[in-house]
Amino acid sequence: MKKHLITTLFFVGYLAIVFGAIAGILEKPFAFYVFTIGVVALCAYRICTLSAGDFRVKRLNAMGAFSTLLLIASCTLMYMQLSGWVLTLFVAALIDLIVSIRYPNQTK
């Protein structure tokens, strides 16, 4: 059941981030709140998955934590109504793409 909750946090977080980013580009007033809900859910996911086995997974989790910090910076810039949030979101997305490609397959 715990693994199901963690997976749900991951999907809800990223869906809210995507919808918040799209709403932010369209300059909707609720964009910041949706984006922030997604980032909080993703932070909870990252905290739940921090402890891992080998060095490679720990390094990839550290890269994921850095991308989460960039998402927090995006939230801050979006709140301040600065356009730099797009750049930090783009860099975080690139890091998450690299992490998702390099992460070892956990299926058994």
PDB file of N, CA and C in Angstrom:
ATOM      1  N   MET A   1       0.816  -1.192   0.000  1.00  0.00           N
ATOM      2  CA  MET A   1       0.000   0.000   0.000  1.00  0.00           C
ATOM      3  C   MET A   1       0.863   1.260   0.000  1.00  0.00           C
ATOM      4  N   LYS A   2       1.995   1.213   0.705  1.00  0.00           N
ATOM      5  CA  LYS A   2       2.867   2.378   0.760  1.00  0.00           C
ATOM      6  C   LYS A   2       3.438   2.687  -0.615  1.00  0.00           C
ATOM      7  N   LYS A   3       3.805   1.658  -1.375  1.00  0.00           N
ATOM      8  CA  LYS A   3       4.349   1.876  -2.710  1.00  0.00           C
ATOM      9  C   LYS A   3       3.297   2.506  -3.624  1.00  0.00           C
ATOM     10  N   HIS A   4       2.043   2.112  -3.439  1.00  0.00           N
ATOM     11  CA  HIS A   4       0.960   2.692  -4.230  1.00  0.00           C
ATOM     12  C   HIS A   4       0.798   4.182  -3.912  1.00  0.00           C
ATOM     13  N   LEU A   5       0.911   4.551  -2.647  1.00  0.00           N
ATOM     14  CA  LEU A   5       0.801   5.950  -2.243  1.00  0.00           C
ATOM     15  C   LEU A   5       1.954   6.775  -2.807  1.00  0.00           C
ATOM     16  N   ILE A   6       3.155   6.227  -2.788  1.00  0.00           N
ATOM     17  CA  ILE A   6       4.318   6.932  -3.320  1.00  0.00           C
ATOM     18  C   ILE A   6       4.172   7.135  -4.823  1.00  0.00           C
ATOM     19  N   THR A   7       3.707   6.120  -5.526  1.00  0.00           N
ATOM     20  CA  THR A   7       3.496   6.241  -6.972  1.00  0.00           C
ATOM     21  C   THR A   7       2.410   7.269  -7.275  1.00  0.00           C
ATOM     22  N   THR A   8       1.371   7.303  -6.471  1.00  0.00           N
ATOM     23  CA  THR A   8       0.304   8.281  -6.652  1.00  0.00           C
ATOM     24  C   THR A   8       0.830   9.700  -6.432  1.00  0.00           C
ATOM     25  N   LEU A   9       1.666   9.892  -5.407  1.00  0.00           N
ATOM     26  CA  LEU A   9       2.278  11.199  -5.185  1.00  0.00           C
ATOM     27  C   LEU A   9       3.079  11.646  -6.398  1.00  0.00           C
ATOM     28  N   PHE A  10       3.820  10.720  -6.984  1.00  0.00           N
ATOM     29  CA  PHE A  10       4.641  11.025  -8.149  1.00  0.00           C
ATOM     30  C   PHE A  10       3.771  11.498  -9.316  1.00  0.00           C
ATOM     31  N   PHE A  11       2.732  10.744  -9.642  1.00  0.00           N
ATOM     32  CA  PHE A  11       1.895  11.101 -10.786  1.00  0.00           C
ATOM     33  C   PHE A  11       1.079  12.361 -10.539  1.00  0.00           C
ATOM     34  N   VAL A  12       0.509  12.502  -9.355  1.00  0.00           N
ATOM     35  CA  VAL A  12      -0.274  13.705  -9.048  1.00  0.00           C
ATOM     36  C   VAL A  12       0.630  14.942  -9.062  1.00  0.00           C
ATOM     37  N   GLY A  13       1.826  14.797  -8.529  1.00  0.00           N
ATOM     38  CA  GLY A  13       2.771  15.904  -8.511  1.00  0.00           C
ATOM     39  C   GLY A  13       3.126  16.379  -9.903  1.00  0.00           C
ATOM     40  N   TYR A  14       3.498  15.444 -10.754  1.00  0.00           N
ATOM     41  CA  TYR A  14       3.896  15.851 -12.097  1.00  0.00           C
ATOM     42  C   TYR A  14       2.718  16.334 -12.932  1.00  0.00           C
ATOM     43  N   LEU A  15       1.539  15.766 -12.755  1.00  0.00           N
ATOM     44  CA  LEU A  15       0.366  16.271 -13.481  1.00  0.00           C
ATOM     45  C   LEU A  15       0.038  17.695 -13.064  1.00  0.00           C
ATOM     46  N   ALA A  16       0.108  17.967 -11.763  1.00  0.00           N
ATOM     47  CA  ALA A  16      -0.162  19.325 -11.292  1.00  0.00           C
ATOM     48  C   ALA A  16       0.903  20.299 -11.776  1.00  0.00           C
ATOM     49  N   ILE A  17       2.155  19.857 -11.844  1.00  0.00           N
ATOM     50  CA  ILE A  17       3.220  20.723 -12.353  1.00  0.00           C
ATOM     51  C   ILE A  17       2.986  21.047 -13.823  1.00  0.00           C
ATOM     52  N   VAL A  18       2.621  20.053 -14.613  1.00  0.00           N
ATOM     53  CA  VAL A  18       2.375  20.282 -16.039  1.00  0.00           C
ATOM     54  C   VAL A  18       1.190  21.223 -16.240  1.00  0.00           C
ATOM     55  N   PHE A  19       0.074  20.957 -15.529  1.00  0.00           N
ATOM     56  CA  PHE A  19      -1.094  21.824 -15.678  1.00  0.00           C
ATOM     57  C   PHE A  19      -0.814  23.228 -15.156  1.00  0.00           C
ATOM     58  N   GLY A  20      -0.060  23.340 -14.067  1.00  0.00           N
ATOM     59  CA  GLY A  20       0.304  24.651 -13.542  1.00  0.00           C
ATOM     60  C   GLY A  20       1.216  25.416 -14.481  1.00  0.00           C
ATOM     61  N   ALA A  21       2.143  24.709 -15.129  1.00  0.00           N
ATOM     62  CA  ALA A  21       3.038  25.369 -16.077  1.00  0.00           C
ATOM     63  C   ALA A  21       2.270  25.848 -17.310  1.00  0.00           C
ATOM     64  N   ILE A  22       1.363  25.023 -17.805  1.00  0.00           N
ATOM     65  CA  ILE A  22       0.550  25.434 -18.955  1.00  0.00           C
ATOM     66  C   ILE A  22      -0.321  26.631 -18.584  1.00  0.00           C
ATOM     67  N   ALA A  23      -0.919  26.590 -17.400  1.00  0.00           N
ATOM     68  CA  ALA A  23      -1.743  27.721 -16.955  1.00  0.00           C
ATOM     69  C   ALA A  23      -0.883  28.964 -16.735  1.00  0.00           C
ATOM     70  N   GLY A  24       0.351  28.777 -16.283  1.00  0.00           N
ATOM     71  CA  GLY A  24       1.266  29.905 -16.103  1.00  0.00           C
ATOM     72  C   GLY A  24       1.646  30.550 -17.423  1.00  0.00           C
ATOM     73  N   ILE A  25       1.846  29.730 -18.445  1.00  0.00           N
ATOM     74  CA  ILE A  25       2.156  30.273 -19.767  1.00  0.00           C
ATOM     75  C   ILE A  25       0.963  31.042 -20.316  1.00  0.00           C
ATOM     76  N   LEU A  26      -0.242  30.545 -20.025  1.00  0.00           N
ATOM     77  CA  LEU A  26      -1.465  31.225 -20.470  1.00  0.00           C
ATOM     78  C   LEU A  26      -1.868  32.363 -19.526  1.00  0.00           C
ATOM     79  N   GLU A  27      -1.052  32.606 -18.485  1.00  0.00           N
ATOM     80  CA  GLU A  27      -1.237  33.688 -17.519  1.00  0.00           C
ATOM     81  C   GLU A  27      -2.574  33.604 -16.779  1.00  0.00           C
ATOM     82  N   LYS A  28      -2.931  32.412 -16.353  1.00  0.00           N
ATOM     83  CA  LYS A  28      -4.132  32.214 -15.542  1.00  0.00           C
ATOM     84  C   LYS A  28      -3.801  32.543 -14.085  1.00  0.00           C
ATOM     85  N   PRO A  29      -4.756  33.105 -13.337  1.00  0.00           N
ATOM     86  CA  PRO A  29      -4.453  33.507 -11.954  1.00  0.00           C
ATOM     87  C   PRO A  29      -4.239  32.339 -10.995  1.00  0.00           C
ATOM     88  N   PHE A  30      -4.741  31.156 -11.300  1.00  0.00           N
ATOM     89  CA  PHE A  30      -4.614  30.003 -10.402  1.00  0.00           C
ATOM     90  C   PHE A  30      -3.372  29.169 -10.689  1.00  0.00           C
ATOM     91  N   ALA A  31      -2.580  29.563 -11.648  1.00  0.00           N
ATOM     92  CA  ALA A  31      -1.432  28.753 -12.086  1.00  0.00           C
ATOM     93  C   ALA A  31      -0.432  28.511 -10.960  1.00  0.00           C
ATOM     94  N   PHE A  32      -0.149  29.537 -10.194  1.00  0.00           N
ATOM     95  CA  PHE A  32       0.830  29.399  -9.114  1.00  0.00           C
ATOM     96  C   PHE A  32       0.392  28.348  -8.102  1.00  0.00           C
ATOM     97  N   TYR A  33      -0.883  28.322  -7.764  1.00  0.00           N
ATOM     98  CA  TYR A  33      -1.378  27.397  -6.748  1.00  0.00           C
ATOM     99  C   TYR A  33      -1.322  25.950  -7.227  1.00  0.00           C
ATOM    100  N   VAL A  34      -1.701  25.716  -8.467  1.00  0.00           N
ATOM    101  CA  VAL A  34      -1.648  24.360  -9.020  1.00  0.00           C
ATOM    102  C   VAL A  34      -0.199  23.888  -9.108  1.00  0.00           C
ATOM    103  N   PHE A  35       0.680  24.771  -9.569  1.00  0.00           N
ATOM    104  CA  PHE A  35       2.094  24.448  -9.686  1.00  0.00           C
ATOM    105  C   PHE A  35       2.692  24.141  -8.314  1.00  0.00           C
ATOM    106  N   THR A  36       2.323  24.931  -7.310  1.00  0.00           N
ATOM    107  CA  THR A  36       2.849  24.730  -5.968  1.00  0.00           C
ATOM    108  C   THR A  36       2.363  23.413  -5.368  1.00  0.00           C
ATOM    109  N   ILE A  37       1.111  23.055  -5.598  1.00  0.00           N
ATOM    110  CA  ILE A  37       0.600  21.766  -5.124  1.00  0.00           C
ATOM    111  C   ILE A  37       1.407  20.621  -5.744  1.00  0.00           C
ATOM    112  N   GLY A  38       1.712  20.744  -7.022  1.00  0.00           N
ATOM    113  CA  GLY A  38       2.523  19.723  -7.679  1.00  0.00           C
ATOM    114  C   GLY A  38       3.923  19.628  -7.112  1.00  0.00           C
ATOM    115  N   VAL A  39       4.535  20.771  -6.836  1.00  0.00           N
ATOM    116  CA  VAL A  39       5.896  20.771  -6.286  1.00  0.00           C
ATOM    117  C   VAL A  39       5.905  20.198  -4.872  1.00  0.00           C
ATOM    118  N   VAL A  40       4.902  20.506  -4.075  1.00  0.00           N
ATOM    119  CA  VAL A  40       4.826  19.945  -2.715  1.00  0.00           C
ATOM    120  C   VAL A  40       4.663  18.425  -2.774  1.00  0.00           C
ATOM    121  N   ALA A  41       3.817  17.946  -3.679  1.00  0.00           N
ATOM    122  CA  ALA A  41       3.644  16.496  -3.828  1.00  0.00           C
ATOM    123  C   ALA A  41       4.940  15.838  -4.295  1.00  0.00           C
ATOM    124  N   LEU A  42       5.654  16.501  -5.200  1.00  0.00           N
ATOM    125  CA  LEU A  42       6.920  15.951  -5.678  1.00  0.00           C
ATOM    126  C   LEU A  42       7.981  15.978  -4.584  1.00  0.00           C
ATOM    127  N   CYS A  43       7.978  17.014  -3.746  1.00  0.00           N
ATOM    128  CA  CYS A  43       8.906  17.050  -2.609  1.00  0.00           C
ATOM    129  C   CYS A  43       8.632  15.895  -1.656  1.00  0.00           C
ATOM    130  N   ALA A  44       7.368  15.606  -1.405  1.00  0.00           N
ATOM    131  CA  ALA A  44       7.022  14.464  -0.541  1.00  0.00           C
ATOM    132  C   ALA A  44       7.493  13.162  -1.167  1.00  0.00           C
ATOM    133  N   TYR A  45       7.342  13.034  -2.479  1.00  0.00           N
ATOM    134  CA  TYR A  45       7.819  11.832  -3.180  1.00  0.00           C
ATOM    135  C   TYR A  45       9.336  11.702  -3.039  1.00  0.00           C
ATOM    136  N   ARG A  46      10.055  12.798  -3.248  1.00  0.00           N
ATOM    137  CA  ARG A  46      11.525  12.752  -3.154  1.00  0.00           C
ATOM    138  C   ARG A  46      11.981  12.392  -1.743  1.00  0.00           C
ATOM    139  N   ILE A  47      11.283  12.880  -0.732  1.00  0.00           N
ATOM    140  CA  ILE A  47      11.649  12.551   0.649  1.00  0.00           C
ATOM    141  C   ILE A  47      11.423  11.069   0.918  1.00  0.00           C
ATOM    142  N   CYS A  48      10.343  10.525   0.374  1.00  0.00           N
ATOM    143  CA  CYS A  48      10.041   9.097   0.583  1.00  0.00           C
ATOM    144  C   CYS A  48      11.036   8.188  -0.134  1.00  0.00           C
ATOM    145  N   THR A  49      11.645   8.659  -1.212  1.00  0.00           N
ATOM    146  CA  THR A  49      12.549   7.808  -1.991  1.00  0.00           C
ATOM    147  C   THR A  49      14.016   8.176  -1.816  1.00  0.00           C
ATOM    148  N   LEU A  50      14.361   8.953  -0.800  1.00  0.00           N
ATOM    149  CA  LEU A  50      15.751   9.355  -0.615  1.00  0.00           C
ATOM    150  C   LEU A  50      16.669   8.194  -0.271  1.00  0.00           C
ATOM    151  N   SER A  51      16.274   7.352   0.652  1.00  0.00           N
ATOM    152  CA  SER A  51      17.145   6.251   1.060  1.00  0.00           C
ATOM    153  C   SER A  51      17.105   5.160   0.000  1.00  0.00           C
ATOM    154  N   ALA A  52      18.279   4.845  -0.497  1.00  0.00           N
ATOM    155  CA  ALA A  52      18.375   3.831  -1.547  1.00  0.00           C
ATOM    156  C   ALA A  52      19.600   2.967  -1.292  1.00  0.00           C
ATOM    157  N   GLY A  53      19.786   1.961  -2.132  1.00  0.00           N
ATOM    158  CA  GLY A  53      20.848   0.995  -1.941  1.00  0.00           C
ATOM    159  C   GLY A  53      22.219   1.435  -2.374  1.00  0.00           C
ATOM    160  N   ASP A  54      22.539   1.258  -3.630  1.00  0.00           N
ATOM    161  CA  ASP A  54      23.903   1.452  -4.093  1.00  0.00           C
ATOM    162  C   ASP A  54      24.206   2.922  -4.401  1.00  0.00           C
ATOM    163  N   PHE A  55      25.480   3.163  -4.724  1.00  0.00           N
ATOM    164  CA  PHE A  55      25.966   4.523  -4.958  1.00  0.00           C
ATOM    165  C   PHE A  55      25.297   5.162  -6.166  1.00  0.00           C
ATOM    166  N   ARG A  56      25.059   4.391  -7.210  1.00  0.00           N
ATOM    167  CA  ARG A  56      24.471   4.933  -8.435  1.00  0.00           C
ATOM    168  C   ARG A  56      23.065   5.479  -8.177  1.00  0.00           C
ATOM    169  N   VAL A  57      22.260   4.737  -7.451  1.00  0.00           N
ATOM    170  CA  VAL A  57      20.895   5.169  -7.154  1.00  0.00           C
ATOM    171  C   VAL A  57      20.912   6.385  -6.236  1.00  0.00           C
ATOM    172  N   LYS A  58      21.837   6.415  -5.278  1.00  0.00           N
ATOM    173  CA  LYS A  58      21.948   7.579  -4.401  1.00  0.00           C
ATOM    174  C   LYS A  58      22.343   8.825  -5.191  1.00  0.00           C
ATOM    175  N   ARG A  59      23.236   8.674  -6.155  1.00  0.00           N
ATOM    176  CA  ARG A  59      23.649   9.802  -6.990  1.00  0.00           C
ATOM    177  C   ARG A  59      22.488  10.293  -7.839  1.00  0.00           C
ATOM    178  N   LEU A  60      21.724   9.376  -8.410  1.00  0.00           N
ATOM    179  CA  LEU A  60      20.561   9.770  -9.209  1.00  0.00           C
ATOM    180  C   LEU A  60      19.486  10.427  -8.343  1.00  0.00           C
ATOM    181  N   ASN A  61      19.312   9.945  -7.113  1.00  0.00           N
ATOM    182  CA  ASN A  61      18.360  10.577  -6.202  1.00  0.00           C
ATOM    183  C   ASN A  61      18.820  11.982  -5.815  1.00  0.00           C
ATOM    184  N   ALA A  62      20.129  12.182  -5.696  1.00  0.00           N
ATOM    185  CA  ALA A  62      20.649  13.522  -5.411  1.00  0.00           C
ATOM    186  C   ALA A  62      20.394  14.463  -6.590  1.00  0.00           C
ATOM    187  N   MET A  63      20.535  13.951  -7.807  1.00  0.00           N
ATOM    188  CA  MET A  63      20.220  14.761  -8.980  1.00  0.00           C
ATOM    189  C   MET A  63      18.732  15.106  -9.002  1.00  0.00           C
ATOM    190  N   GLY A  64      17.888  14.154  -8.624  1.00  0.00           N
ATOM    191  CA  GLY A  64      16.462  14.418  -8.543  1.00  0.00           C
ATOM    192  C   GLY A  64      16.136  15.449  -7.476  1.00  0.00           C
ATOM    193  N   ALA A  65      16.859  15.407  -6.364  1.00  0.00           N
ATOM    194  CA  ALA A  65      16.657  16.407  -5.309  1.00  0.00           C
ATOM    195  C   ALA A  65      17.051  17.796  -5.800  1.00  0.00           C
ATOM    196  N   PHE A  66      18.111  17.875  -6.602  1.00  0.00           N
ATOM    197  CA  PHE A  66      18.508  19.171  -7.165  1.00  0.00           C
ATOM    198  C   PHE A  66      17.441  19.694  -8.124  1.00  0.00           C
ATOM    199  N   SER A  67      16.844  18.812  -8.914  1.00  0.00           N
ATOM    200  CA  SER A  67      15.785  19.267  -9.819  1.00  0.00           C
ATOM    201  C   SER A  67      14.560  19.727  -9.028  1.00  0.00           C
ATOM    202  N   THR A  68      14.316  19.112  -7.876  1.00  0.00           N
ATOM    203  CA  THR A  68      13.220  19.564  -7.020  1.00  0.00           C
ATOM    204  C   THR A  68      13.513  20.949  -6.459  1.00  0.00           C
ATOM    205  N   LEU A  69      14.770  21.220  -6.118  1.00  0.00           N
ATOM    206  CA  LEU A  69      15.133  22.567  -5.681  1.00  0.00           C
ATOM    207  C   LEU A  69      14.914  23.586  -6.799  1.00  0.00           C
ATOM    208  N   LEU A  70      15.197  23.187  -8.025  1.00  0.00           N
ATOM    209  CA  LEU A  70      14.928  24.077  -9.154  1.00  0.00           C
ATOM    210  C   LEU A  70      13.431  24.315  -9.327  1.00  0.00           C
ATOM    211  N   LEU A  71      12.621  23.308  -9.052  1.00  0.00           N
ATOM    212  CA  LEU A  71      11.172  23.492  -9.120  1.00  0.00           C
ATOM    213  C   LEU A  71      10.684  24.432  -8.022  1.00  0.00           C
ATOM    214  N   ILE A  72      11.299  24.364  -6.850  1.00  0.00           N
ATOM    215  CA  ILE A  72      10.965  25.301  -5.783  1.00  0.00           C
ATOM    216  C   ILE A  72      11.348  26.722  -6.195  1.00  0.00           C
ATOM    217  N   ALA A  73      12.494  26.861  -6.858  1.00  0.00           N
ATOM    218  CA  ALA A  73      12.883  28.174  -7.388  1.00  0.00           C
ATOM    219  C   ALA A  73      11.881  28.649  -8.434  1.00  0.00           C
ATOM    220  N   SER A  74      11.369  27.731  -9.248  1.00  0.00           N
ATOM    221  CA  SER A  74      10.345  28.090 -10.235  1.00  0.00           C
ATOM    222  C   SER A  74       9.085  28.595  -9.541  1.00  0.00           C
ATOM    223  N   CYS A  75       8.702  27.944  -8.448  1.00  0.00           N
ATOM    224  CA  CYS A  75       7.541  28.407  -7.674  1.00  0.00           C
ATOM    225  C   CYS A  75       7.755  29.831  -7.170  1.00  0.00           C
ATOM    226  N   THR A  76       8.941  30.065  -6.646  1.00  0.00           N
ATOM    227  CA  THR A  76       9.245  31.392  -6.117  1.00  0.00           C
ATOM    228  C   THR A  76       9.200  32.444  -7.213  1.00  0.00           C
ATOM    229  N   LEU A  77       9.797  32.146  -8.356  1.00  0.00           N
ATOM    230  CA  LEU A  77       9.796  33.099  -9.466  1.00  0.00           C
ATOM    231  C   LEU A  77       8.399  33.306 -10.035  1.00  0.00           C
ATOM    232  N   MET A  78       7.598  32.247 -10.033  1.00  0.00           N
ATOM    233  CA  MET A  78       6.222  32.382 -10.505  1.00  0.00           C
ATOM    234  C   MET A  78       5.416  33.257  -9.551  1.00  0.00           C
ATOM    235  N   TYR A  79       5.669  33.099  -8.250  1.00  0.00           N
ATOM    236  CA  TYR A  79       4.974  33.922  -7.259  1.00  0.00           C
ATOM    237  C   TYR A  79       5.346  35.397  -7.410  1.00  0.00           C
ATOM    238  N   MET A  80       6.628  35.657  -7.705  1.00  0.00           N
ATOM    239  CA  MET A  80       7.095  37.028  -7.888  1.00  0.00           C
ATOM    240  C   MET A  80       6.742  37.581  -9.262  1.00  0.00           C
ATOM    241  N   GLN A  81       6.087  36.783 -10.075  1.00  0.00           N
ATOM    242  CA  GLN A  81       5.651  37.134 -11.421  1.00  0.00           C
ATOM    243  C   GLN A  81       6.818  37.541 -12.321  1.00  0.00           C
ATOM    244  N   LEU A  82       7.904  36.770 -12.205  1.00  0.00           N
ATOM    245  CA  LEU A  82       9.055  36.942 -13.075  1.00  0.00           C
ATOM    246  C   LEU A  82       9.057  35.820 -14.104  1.00  0.00           C
ATOM    247  N   SER A  83       9.549  36.096 -15.275  1.00  0.00           N
ATOM    248  CA  SER A  83       9.498  35.097 -16.342  1.00  0.00           C
ATOM    249  C   SER A  83      10.623  34.069 -16.256  1.00  0.00           C
ATOM    250  N   GLY A  84      11.522  34.192 -15.302  1.00  0.00           N
ATOM    251  CA  GLY A  84      12.626  33.247 -15.154  1.00  0.00           C
ATOM    252  C   GLY A  84      12.193  31.860 -14.712  1.00  0.00           C
ATOM    253  N   TRP A  85      10.946  31.721 -14.266  1.00  0.00           N
ATOM    254  CA  TRP A  85      10.470  30.412 -13.826  1.00  0.00           C
ATOM    255  C   TRP A  85      10.475  29.406 -14.966  1.00  0.00           C
ATOM    256  N   VAL A  86      10.355  29.901 -16.191  1.00  0.00           N
ATOM    257  CA  VAL A  86      10.348  28.997 -17.347  1.00  0.00           C
ATOM    258  C   VAL A  86      11.723  28.352 -17.515  1.00  0.00           C
ATOM    259  N   LEU A  87      12.776  29.124 -17.322  1.00  0.00           N
ATOM    260  CA  LEU A  87      14.135  28.599 -17.468  1.00  0.00           C
ATOM    261  C   LEU A  87      14.445  27.562 -16.394  1.00  0.00           C
ATOM    262  N   THR A  88      14.106  27.858 -15.142  1.00  0.00           N
ATOM    263  CA  THR A  88      14.394  26.885 -14.082  1.00  0.00           C
ATOM    264  C   THR A  88      13.544  25.625 -14.251  1.00  0.00           C
ATOM    265  N   LEU A  89      12.321  25.786 -14.741  1.00  0.00           N
ATOM    266  CA  LEU A  89      11.476  24.620 -15.018  1.00  0.00           C
ATOM    267  C   LEU A  89      12.078  23.780 -16.144  1.00  0.00           C
ATOM    268  N   PHE A  90      12.617  24.422 -17.165  1.00  0.00           N
ATOM    269  CA  PHE A  90      13.230  23.703 -18.284  1.00  0.00           C
ATOM    270  C   PHE A  90      14.454  22.912 -17.830  1.00  0.00           C
ATOM    271  N   VAL A  91      15.301  23.527 -17.016  1.00  0.00           N
ATOM    272  CA  VAL A  91      16.500  22.828 -16.520  1.00  0.00           C
ATOM    273  C   VAL A  91      16.098  21.655 -15.622  1.00  0.00           C
ATOM    274  N   ALA A  92      15.086  21.853 -14.777  1.00  0.00           N
ATOM    275  CA  ALA A  92      14.603  20.763 -13.921  1.00  0.00           C
ATOM    276  C   ALA A  92      14.045  19.626 -14.764  1.00  0.00           C
ATOM    277  N   ALA A  93      13.348  19.958 -15.838  1.00  0.00           N
ATOM    278  CA  ALA A  93      12.802  18.914 -16.713  1.00  0.00           C
ATOM    279  C   ALA A  93      13.927  18.135 -17.399  1.00  0.00           C
ATOM    280  N   LEU A  94      14.972  18.826 -17.823  1.00  0.00           N
ATOM    281  CA  LEU A  94      16.113  18.124 -18.438  1.00  0.00           C
ATOM    282  C   LEU A  94      16.791  17.183 -17.446  1.00  0.00           C
ATOM    283  N   ILE A  95      16.974  17.646 -16.217  1.00  0.00           N
ATOM    284  CA  ILE A  95      17.598  16.798 -15.200  1.00  0.00           C
ATOM    285  C   ILE A  95      16.715  15.583 -14.915  1.00  0.00           C
ATOM    286  N   ASP A  96      15.406  15.802 -14.803  1.00  0.00           N
ATOM    287  CA  ASP A  96      14.501  14.672 -14.559  1.00  0.00           C
ATOM    288  C   ASP A  96      14.495  13.693 -15.726  1.00  0.00           C
ATOM    289  N   LEU A  97      14.633  14.193 -16.938  1.00  0.00           N
ATOM    290  CA  LEU A  97      14.711  13.312 -18.105  1.00  0.00           C
ATOM    291  C   LEU A  97      15.962  12.443 -18.035  1.00  0.00           C
ATOM    292  N   ILE A  98      17.091  13.044 -17.699  1.00  0.00           N
ATOM    293  CA  ILE A  98      18.342  12.290 -17.583  1.00  0.00           C
ATOM    294  C   ILE A  98      18.238  11.252 -16.474  1.00  0.00           C
ATOM    295  N   VAL A  99      17.665  11.637 -15.344  1.00  0.00           N
ATOM    296  CA  VAL A  99      17.525  10.708 -14.217  1.00  0.00           C
ATOM    297  C   VAL A  99      16.608   9.551 -14.598  1.00  0.00           C
ATOM    298  N   SER A 100      15.519   9.844 -15.288  1.00  0.00           N
ATOM    299  CA  SER A 100      14.587   8.768 -15.640  1.00  0.00           C
ATOM    300  C   SER A 100      15.193   7.794 -16.651  1.00  0.00           C
ATOM    301  N   ILE A 101      16.050   8.275 -17.513  1.00  0.00           N
ATOM    302  CA  ILE A 101      16.717   7.385 -18.471  1.00  0.00           C
ATOM    303  C   ILE A 101      17.778   6.532 -17.766  1.00  0.00           C
ATOM    304  N   ARG A 102      18.514   7.128 -16.863  1.00  0.00           N
ATOM    305  CA  ARG A 102      19.628   6.439 -16.225  1.00  0.00           C
ATOM    306  C   ARG A 102      19.221   5.566 -15.032  1.00  0.00           C
ATOM    307  N   TYR A 103      17.998   5.749 -14.494  1.00  0.00           N
ATOM    308  CA  TYR A 103      17.592   5.017 -13.303  1.00  0.00           C
ATOM    309  C   TYR A 103      17.469   3.530 -13.631  1.00  0.00           C
ATOM    310  N   PRO A 104      18.011   2.650 -12.773  1.00  0.00           N
ATOM    311  CA  PRO A 104      17.961   1.213 -13.064  1.00  0.00           C
ATOM    312  C   PRO A 104      16.527   0.685 -13.004  1.00  0.00           C
ATOM    313  N   ASN A 105      16.278  -0.342 -13.789  1.00  0.00           N
ATOM    314  CA  ASN A 105      14.944  -0.954 -13.849  1.00  0.00           C
ATOM    315  C   ASN A 105      14.714  -1.754 -12.571  1.00  0.00           C
ATOM    316  N   GLN A 106      13.573  -1.510 -11.914  1.00  0.00           N
ATOM    317  CA  GLN A 106      13.289  -2.143 -10.626  1.00  0.00           C
ATOM    318  C   GLN A 106      12.316  -3.307 -10.743  1.00  0.00           C
ATOM    319  N   THR A 107      11.898  -3.685 -11.946  1.00  0.00           N
ATOM    320  CA  THR A 107      10.912  -4.763 -12.098  1.00  0.00           C
ATOM    321  C   THR A 107      11.530  -6.097 -11.766  1.00  0.00           C
ATOM    322  N   LYS A 108      10.704  -6.965 -11.197  1.00  0.00           N
ATOM    323  CA  LYS A 108      11.187  -8.316 -10.837  1.00  0.00           C
ATOM    324  C   LYS A 108      10.250  -9.336 -11.408  1.00  0.00           C
TER     325      LYS A 108
END
